[in-house]
């Protein structure tokens, strides 16, 4: 079972609240918090689509470029020791630190 929905290149989560007895979610990968909810999967999906459409409409109205959910670049904070060890391993493999981290992430998400 997937806990995600896709719409116009945006990914939204699917969560359940026992407190509110409803479904809810948020759009992943954007700086702002975009949330939606519904009493059924159909309502949740409709509100998710509405949230994305409203965001895109707002951006168009303001003349700003909408954020892409996933740009392919992000900051990772690690300890200085892990940074040092990763740099050494990358050098041993004769690749950049960026390539080394991308390879490690690819292995982790494939597992």
N, C-alpha and C. Protein backbone atom coordinates (compact mmCIF):
# COMPACT_ATOMS: atom_id res chain seq x y z
N UNK A 1 0.83 -1.18 0.00
CA UNK A 1 0.00 0.00 0.00
C UNK A 1 0.88 1.25 0.00
N UNK A 2 0.58 2.17 -0.89
CA UNK A 2 1.33 3.42 -0.96
C UNK A 2 0.76 4.42 0.02
N UNK A 3 1.62 5.15 0.67
CA UNK A 3 1.19 6.20 1.59
C UNK A 3 1.44 7.57 0.97
N UNK A 4 1.49 7.61 -0.37
CA UNK A 4 1.77 8.84 -1.08
C UNK A 4 0.83 9.00 -2.26
N UNK A 5 0.59 10.27 -2.61
CA UNK A 5 -0.19 10.59 -3.80
C UNK A 5 0.66 11.50 -4.67
N UNK A 6 0.47 11.43 -5.98
CA UNK A 6 1.19 12.27 -6.92
C UNK A 6 0.21 13.12 -7.70
N UNK A 7 0.57 14.38 -7.91
CA UNK A 7 -0.26 15.28 -8.71
C UNK A 7 0.61 16.42 -9.21
N UNK A 8 0.67 16.58 -10.52
CA UNK A 8 1.44 17.66 -11.15
C UNK A 8 2.86 17.73 -10.61
N UNK A 9 3.51 16.60 -10.49
CA UNK A 9 4.91 16.47 -10.02
C UNK A 9 5.09 16.75 -8.53
N UNK A 10 4.01 16.87 -7.79
CA UNK A 10 4.10 17.07 -6.35
C UNK A 10 3.68 15.77 -5.66
N UNK A 11 4.33 15.48 -4.54
CA UNK A 11 4.04 14.26 -3.78
C UNK A 11 3.42 14.65 -2.45
N UNK A 12 2.32 14.00 -2.12
CA UNK A 12 1.65 14.26 -0.86
C UNK A 12 1.56 13.00 -0.03
N UNK A 13 1.61 13.17 1.27
CA UNK A 13 1.53 12.04 2.19
C UNK A 13 0.07 11.69 2.47
N UNK A 14 -0.13 10.49 2.97
CA UNK A 14 -1.45 10.03 3.40
C UNK A 14 -1.30 9.55 4.84
N UNK A 15 -1.97 10.23 5.77
CA UNK A 15 -1.88 9.91 7.19
C UNK A 15 -3.30 9.77 7.76
N UNK A 16 -3.39 9.12 8.90
CA UNK A 16 -4.68 8.99 9.59
C UNK A 16 -4.56 9.58 10.99
N UNK A 17 -5.53 10.36 11.37
CA UNK A 17 -5.60 10.92 12.72
C UNK A 17 -6.72 10.23 13.48
N UNK A 18 -6.38 9.48 14.52
CA UNK A 18 -7.42 8.85 15.34
C UNK A 18 -8.11 9.91 16.20
N UNK A 19 -7.38 11.00 16.54
CA UNK A 19 -7.97 12.09 17.32
C UNK A 19 -9.10 12.76 16.55
N UNK A 20 -8.80 13.12 15.30
CA UNK A 20 -9.79 13.81 14.48
C UNK A 20 -10.63 12.87 13.63
N UNK A 21 -10.30 11.58 13.69
CA UNK A 21 -10.96 10.57 12.88
C UNK A 21 -11.06 11.01 11.42
N UNK A 22 -9.89 11.41 10.88
CA UNK A 22 -9.86 11.87 9.49
C UNK A 22 -8.52 11.51 8.87
N UNK A 23 -8.46 11.64 7.58
CA UNK A 23 -7.22 11.48 6.83
C UNK A 23 -6.63 12.86 6.61
N UNK A 24 -5.32 12.94 6.57
CA UNK A 24 -4.67 14.22 6.32
C UNK A 24 -3.32 13.95 5.67
N UNK A 25 -2.70 14.99 5.20
CA UNK A 25 -1.38 14.85 4.59
C UNK A 25 -0.74 16.20 4.37
N UNK A 26 0.49 16.16 3.85
CA UNK A 26 1.23 17.37 3.52
C UNK A 26 1.97 17.14 2.21
N UNK A 27 2.24 18.23 1.52
CA UNK A 27 3.01 18.16 0.28
C UNK A 27 4.48 18.11 0.66
N UNK A 28 5.19 17.12 0.15
CA UNK A 28 6.60 16.95 0.46
C UNK A 28 7.49 17.81 -0.43
N UNK A 29 8.63 18.22 0.11
CA UNK A 29 9.67 18.85 -0.68
C UNK A 29 9.53 20.34 -0.91
N UNK A 30 8.56 20.99 -0.29
CA UNK A 30 8.40 22.43 -0.43
C UNK A 30 8.74 23.11 0.89
N UNK A 31 9.21 24.35 0.81
CA UNK A 31 9.58 25.07 2.03
C UNK A 31 8.37 25.37 2.90
N UNK A 32 7.27 25.79 2.29
CA UNK A 32 6.06 26.10 3.05
C UNK A 32 5.33 24.84 3.44
N UNK A 33 4.45 24.96 4.41
CA UNK A 33 3.66 23.81 4.85
C UNK A 33 2.34 23.82 4.10
N UNK A 34 2.15 22.86 3.24
CA UNK A 34 0.91 22.71 2.50
C UNK A 34 0.24 21.44 2.97
N UNK A 35 -0.88 21.59 3.65
CA UNK A 35 -1.57 20.42 4.17
C UNK A 35 -2.98 20.34 3.60
N UNK A 36 -3.59 19.19 3.77
CA UNK A 36 -4.93 18.92 3.25
C UNK A 36 -5.53 17.81 4.09
N UNK A 37 -6.85 17.64 3.99
CA UNK A 37 -7.50 16.59 4.77
C UNK A 37 -8.78 16.15 4.10
N UNK A 38 -9.35 15.07 4.61
CA UNK A 38 -10.61 14.56 4.10
C UNK A 38 -11.11 13.42 4.96
N UNK A 39 -12.39 13.12 4.83
CA UNK A 39 -12.99 12.02 5.56
C UNK A 39 -12.86 10.69 4.82
N UNK A 40 -12.53 10.76 3.53
CA UNK A 40 -12.36 9.56 2.72
C UNK A 40 -11.15 9.76 1.82
N UNK A 41 -10.71 8.69 1.18
CA UNK A 41 -9.61 8.79 0.24
C UNK A 41 -9.96 9.75 -0.89
N UNK A 42 -11.19 9.67 -1.38
CA UNK A 42 -11.62 10.56 -2.46
C UNK A 42 -11.55 12.02 -2.02
N UNK A 43 -12.03 12.32 -0.80
CA UNK A 43 -11.97 13.69 -0.29
C UNK A 43 -10.53 14.14 -0.07
N UNK A 44 -9.69 13.26 0.45
CA UNK A 44 -8.28 13.58 0.68
C UNK A 44 -7.61 13.92 -0.64
N UNK A 45 -7.84 13.08 -1.64
CA UNK A 45 -7.24 13.29 -2.95
C UNK A 45 -7.72 14.61 -3.56
N UNK A 46 -9.01 14.88 -3.42
CA UNK A 46 -9.57 16.13 -3.95
C UNK A 46 -8.94 17.35 -3.27
N UNK A 47 -8.79 17.29 -1.95
CA UNK A 47 -8.21 18.42 -1.22
C UNK A 47 -6.72 18.56 -1.53
N UNK A 48 -6.02 17.45 -1.73
CA UNK A 48 -4.61 17.49 -2.14
C UNK A 48 -4.49 18.20 -3.48
N UNK A 49 -5.30 17.80 -4.46
CA UNK A 49 -5.28 18.44 -5.77
C UNK A 49 -5.60 19.93 -5.64
N UNK A 50 -6.58 20.25 -4.79
CA UNK A 50 -6.96 21.64 -4.57
C UNK A 50 -5.79 22.44 -3.98
N UNK A 51 -5.09 21.88 -3.01
CA UNK A 51 -3.95 22.55 -2.38
C UNK A 51 -2.86 22.85 -3.41
N UNK A 52 -2.55 21.87 -4.24
CA UNK A 52 -1.53 22.07 -5.28
C UNK A 52 -2.00 23.12 -6.28
N UNK A 53 -3.23 23.00 -6.75
CA UNK A 53 -3.77 23.97 -7.72
C UNK A 53 -3.78 25.38 -7.15
N UNK A 54 -4.16 25.53 -5.89
CA UNK A 54 -4.17 26.84 -5.23
C UNK A 54 -2.75 27.41 -5.16
N UNK A 55 -1.79 26.57 -4.82
CA UNK A 55 -0.40 27.01 -4.75
C UNK A 55 0.07 27.50 -6.12
N UNK A 56 -0.19 26.72 -7.16
CA UNK A 56 0.22 27.09 -8.51
C UNK A 56 -0.49 28.36 -8.97
N UNK A 57 -1.75 28.50 -8.63
CA UNK A 57 -2.52 29.70 -8.97
C UNK A 57 -1.96 30.93 -8.26
N UNK A 58 -1.63 30.78 -6.99
CA UNK A 58 -1.04 31.87 -6.21
C UNK A 58 0.27 32.32 -6.85
N UNK A 59 1.12 31.36 -7.21
CA UNK A 59 2.41 31.70 -7.82
C UNK A 59 2.20 32.44 -9.14
N UNK A 60 1.28 31.96 -9.94
CA UNK A 60 1.00 32.60 -11.23
C UNK A 60 0.49 34.03 -11.02
N UNK A 61 -0.41 34.19 -10.06
CA UNK A 61 -0.98 35.50 -9.76
C UNK A 61 0.10 36.48 -9.30
N UNK A 62 1.05 35.99 -8.50
CA UNK A 62 2.12 36.84 -7.97
C UNK A 62 3.30 36.97 -8.93
N UNK A 63 3.26 36.22 -10.04
CA UNK A 63 4.34 36.27 -11.01
C UNK A 63 5.64 35.65 -10.52
N UNK A 64 5.51 34.64 -9.64
CA UNK A 64 6.70 33.96 -9.13
C UNK A 64 6.74 32.52 -9.65
N UNK A 65 7.93 32.00 -9.75
CA UNK A 65 8.13 30.63 -10.20
C UNK A 65 7.79 29.67 -9.06
N UNK A 66 6.87 28.71 -9.29
CA UNK A 66 6.58 27.74 -8.23
C UNK A 66 7.82 26.91 -7.90
N UNK A 67 7.94 26.58 -6.64
CA UNK A 67 9.04 25.69 -6.24
C UNK A 67 8.83 24.33 -6.86
N UNK A 68 9.92 23.71 -7.25
CA UNK A 68 9.86 22.31 -7.65
C UNK A 68 10.02 21.50 -6.37
N UNK A 69 9.27 20.42 -6.28
CA UNK A 69 9.33 19.61 -5.06
C UNK A 69 10.74 19.09 -4.80
N UNK A 70 11.38 18.63 -5.83
CA UNK A 70 12.68 18.01 -5.67
C UNK A 70 13.62 18.56 -6.73
N UNK A 71 14.56 19.38 -6.30
CA UNK A 71 15.47 20.05 -7.21
C UNK A 71 16.70 19.20 -7.55
N UNK A 72 16.96 18.20 -6.73
CA UNK A 72 18.16 17.39 -6.95
C UNK A 72 19.34 17.89 -6.14
N UNK A 73 19.10 18.84 -5.27
CA UNK A 73 20.18 19.36 -4.45
C UNK A 73 19.63 19.68 -3.06
N UNK A 74 20.37 19.31 -2.03
CA UNK A 74 19.96 19.58 -0.66
C UNK A 74 21.18 19.56 0.23
N UNK A 75 21.07 20.20 1.39
CA UNK A 75 22.17 20.23 2.36
C UNK A 75 22.04 19.06 3.31
N UNK A 76 23.16 18.47 3.64
CA UNK A 76 23.18 17.38 4.60
C UNK A 76 24.13 17.77 5.73
N UNK A 77 23.66 17.69 6.95
CA UNK A 77 24.50 18.02 8.10
C UNK A 77 24.97 16.71 8.75
N UNK A 78 26.26 16.60 8.88
CA UNK A 78 26.86 15.42 9.50
C UNK A 78 27.93 15.90 10.48
N UNK A 79 28.43 14.97 11.26
CA UNK A 79 29.51 15.33 12.18
C UNK A 79 30.78 15.60 11.39
N UNK A 80 31.68 16.39 11.95
CA UNK A 80 32.95 16.62 11.26
C UNK A 80 33.71 15.31 10.98
N UNK A 81 33.61 14.36 11.90
CA UNK A 81 34.31 13.07 11.71
C UNK A 81 33.73 12.30 10.52
N UNK A 82 32.41 12.25 10.41
CA UNK A 82 31.79 11.57 9.28
C UNK A 82 32.13 12.28 7.98
N UNK A 83 32.15 13.59 8.00
CA UNK A 83 32.53 14.38 6.82
C UNK A 83 33.96 14.01 6.39
N UNK A 84 34.86 13.95 7.37
CA UNK A 84 36.26 13.61 7.09
C UNK A 84 36.38 12.21 6.50
N UNK A 85 35.69 11.24 7.14
CA UNK A 85 35.79 9.85 6.66
C UNK A 85 35.18 9.70 5.26
N UNK A 86 34.07 10.38 5.00
CA UNK A 86 33.45 10.30 3.68
C UNK A 86 34.35 10.93 2.62
N UNK A 87 35.01 12.02 2.96
CA UNK A 87 35.93 12.67 2.01
C UNK A 87 37.10 11.74 1.68
N UNK A 88 37.62 11.06 2.69
CA UNK A 88 38.72 10.12 2.46
C UNK A 88 38.26 8.96 1.58
N UNK A 89 37.09 8.38 1.88
CA UNK A 89 36.57 7.26 1.08
C UNK A 89 36.30 7.70 -0.36
N UNK A 90 35.77 8.90 -0.54
CA UNK A 90 35.53 9.41 -1.89
C UNK A 90 36.84 9.54 -2.65
N UNK A 91 37.86 10.04 -1.98
CA UNK A 91 39.17 10.17 -2.62
C UNK A 91 39.75 8.81 -2.97
N UNK A 92 39.59 7.84 -2.08
CA UNK A 92 40.08 6.49 -2.35
C UNK A 92 39.40 5.89 -3.58
N UNK A 93 38.13 6.24 -3.78
CA UNK A 93 37.37 5.73 -4.94
C UNK A 93 37.56 6.62 -6.17
N UNK A 94 38.32 7.70 -5.98
CA UNK A 94 38.61 8.63 -7.07
C UNK A 94 37.34 9.29 -7.62
N UNK A 95 36.42 9.65 -6.70
CA UNK A 95 35.20 10.36 -7.08
C UNK A 95 35.06 11.57 -6.16
N UNK A 96 34.21 12.50 -6.56
CA UNK A 96 33.95 13.67 -5.72
C UNK A 96 33.12 13.24 -4.50
N UNK A 97 33.14 14.08 -3.49
CA UNK A 97 32.32 13.81 -2.30
C UNK A 97 30.85 13.76 -2.70
N UNK A 98 30.44 14.65 -3.58
CA UNK A 98 29.05 14.68 -4.05
C UNK A 98 28.67 13.34 -4.69
N UNK A 99 29.53 12.83 -5.57
CA UNK A 99 29.27 11.55 -6.23
C UNK A 99 29.24 10.41 -5.22
N UNK A 100 30.15 10.45 -4.26
CA UNK A 100 30.20 9.41 -3.23
C UNK A 100 28.90 9.39 -2.41
N UNK A 101 28.43 10.57 -2.01
CA UNK A 101 27.19 10.65 -1.23
C UNK A 101 25.99 10.20 -2.08
N UNK A 102 25.96 10.60 -3.34
CA UNK A 102 24.87 10.17 -4.24
C UNK A 102 24.87 8.65 -4.39
N UNK A 103 26.04 8.04 -4.51
CA UNK A 103 26.13 6.59 -4.62
C UNK A 103 25.62 5.92 -3.34
N UNK A 104 26.00 6.46 -2.19
CA UNK A 104 25.57 5.90 -0.90
C UNK A 104 24.06 6.02 -0.75
N UNK A 105 23.49 7.15 -1.14
CA UNK A 105 22.04 7.33 -1.07
C UNK A 105 21.32 6.35 -2.00
N UNK A 106 21.86 6.17 -3.20
CA UNK A 106 21.24 5.25 -4.15
C UNK A 106 21.20 3.84 -3.57
N UNK A 107 22.31 3.42 -2.96
CA UNK A 107 22.35 2.08 -2.34
C UNK A 107 21.33 1.98 -1.20
N UNK A 108 21.22 3.04 -0.42
CA UNK A 108 20.31 3.02 0.74
C UNK A 108 18.84 2.95 0.31
N UNK A 109 18.46 3.68 -0.72
CA UNK A 109 17.05 3.66 -1.11
C UNK A 109 16.69 2.42 -1.92
N UNK A 110 17.68 1.77 -2.50
CA UNK A 110 17.42 0.52 -3.23
C UNK A 110 17.27 -0.66 -2.29
N UNK A 111 17.85 -0.54 -1.08
CA UNK A 111 17.82 -1.65 -0.12
C UNK A 111 16.44 -1.86 0.45
